[in-house]
Amino acid sequence: MTVIKVSEFRSEISDYANKVAYTGERICVERNNKPLFAIVPIDDMRLLEQLEDQMDLELAKEALKRGKFISFDSLKKELGL
């Protein structure tokens, strides 16, 4: 994975976008030597979202088994929505 400074990313965003899109390289953008964000190929992002959805589904199934759930209307009321 390539690590660059945010100032470098700003000045060469188009080049880095193409590098990620066409080579699949991942880029970590840092500020003050601390990771700030990452640029990843769209396939990586889609996979991450699928994994998150799968984890959410498993947690929801576990909660239903334990009987710990409330209605959507109750949740909205609790949150003041």
Protein backbone atom coordinates (compact mmCIF):
# COMPACT_ATOMS: atom_id res chain seq x y z
CA MET A 1 0.00 0.00 0.00
CA THR A 2 1.24 3.45 -0.90
CA VAL A 3 1.32 6.07 1.87
CA ILE A 4 1.24 9.75 0.92
CA LYS A 5 0.76 13.12 2.60
CA VAL A 6 -2.58 14.89 2.21
CA SER A 7 -0.86 17.84 0.47
CA GLU A 8 0.57 15.48 -2.14
CA PHE A 9 -2.84 13.85 -2.60
CA ARG A 10 -4.45 17.28 -3.12
CA SER A 11 -2.01 18.27 -5.82
CA GLU A 12 -2.14 14.96 -7.69
CA ILE A 13 -5.64 13.63 -6.99
CA SER A 14 -6.28 12.71 -10.61
CA ASP A 15 -3.11 10.62 -10.86
CA TYR A 16 -3.88 8.77 -7.63
CA ALA A 17 -7.49 8.18 -8.63
CA ASN A 18 -6.32 6.59 -11.87
CA LYS A 19 -3.71 4.50 -10.07
CA VAL A 20 -6.37 3.09 -7.73
CA ALA A 21 -8.95 2.59 -10.46
CA TYR A 22 -6.70 0.94 -13.01
CA THR A 23 -4.11 -0.94 -10.96
CA GLY A 24 -6.11 -1.78 -7.84
CA GLU A 25 -3.53 -0.17 -5.60
CA ARG A 26 -4.64 1.05 -2.17
CA ILE A 27 -3.48 4.45 -0.99
CA CYS A 28 -3.34 5.69 2.61
CA VAL A 29 -3.41 9.47 2.98
CA GLU A 30 -1.75 10.89 6.10
CA ARG A 31 -1.68 14.19 7.92
CA ASN A 32 1.04 14.77 10.53
CA ASN A 33 2.20 11.16 10.04
CA LYS A 34 -1.22 9.82 11.07
CA PRO A 35 -3.56 7.95 8.71
CA LEU A 36 -6.43 10.23 7.70
CA PHE A 37 -8.27 8.22 5.04
CA ALA A 38 -7.71 5.60 2.38
CA ILE A 39 -8.48 5.42 -1.30
CA VAL A 40 -9.39 1.88 -2.34
CA PRO A 41 -10.66 0.21 -5.50
CA ILE A 42 -14.44 0.01 -5.84
CA ASP A 43 -14.35 -3.80 -5.61
CA ASP A 44 -12.66 -3.54 -2.19
CA MET A 45 -15.32 -1.12 -1.00
CA ARG A 46 -18.13 -3.37 -2.24
CA LEU A 47 -16.61 -6.36 -0.46
CA LEU A 48 -16.30 -4.37 2.77
CA GLU A 49 -19.95 -3.34 2.53
CA GLN A 50 -21.01 -6.97 1.94
CA LEU A 51 -19.05 -8.05 5.01
CA GLU A 52 -20.65 -5.30 7.10
CA ASP A 53 -24.12 -6.29 5.87
CA GLN A 54 -23.43 -9.93 6.73
CA MET A 55 -22.27 -8.99 10.23
CA ASP A 56 -25.36 -6.81 10.75
CA LEU A 57 -27.62 -9.65 9.66
CA GLU A 58 -25.94 -12.11 12.04
CA LEU A 59 -26.27 -9.65 14.92
CA ALA A 60 -29.95 -9.08 14.11
CA LYS A 61 -30.60 -12.83 14.03
CA GLU A 62 -28.90 -13.24 17.43
CA ALA A 63 -30.98 -10.41 18.90
CA LEU A 64 -34.19 -11.98 17.61
CA LYS A 65 -33.24 -15.32 19.16
CA ARG A 66 -32.76 -13.60 22.53
CA GLY A 67 -36.05 -11.79 22.09
CA LYS A 68 -34.38 -8.43 22.53
CA PHE A 69 -36.08 -6.14 20.07
CA ILE A 70 -38.46 -3.20 19.97
CA SER A 71 -40.81 -1.97 17.28
CA PHE A 72 -39.72 0.69 14.83
CA ASP A 73 -42.34 3.09 16.19
CA SER A 74 -41.03 2.60 19.74
CA LEU A 75 -37.49 3.23 18.57
CA LYS A 76 -38.49 6.44 16.77
CA LYS A 77 -40.28 7.62 19.91
CA GLU A 78 -37.28 6.74 22.10
CA LEU A 79 -34.95 8.67 19.78
CA GLY A 80 -37.35 11.62 19.54
CA LEU A 81 -37.89 11.26 15.80
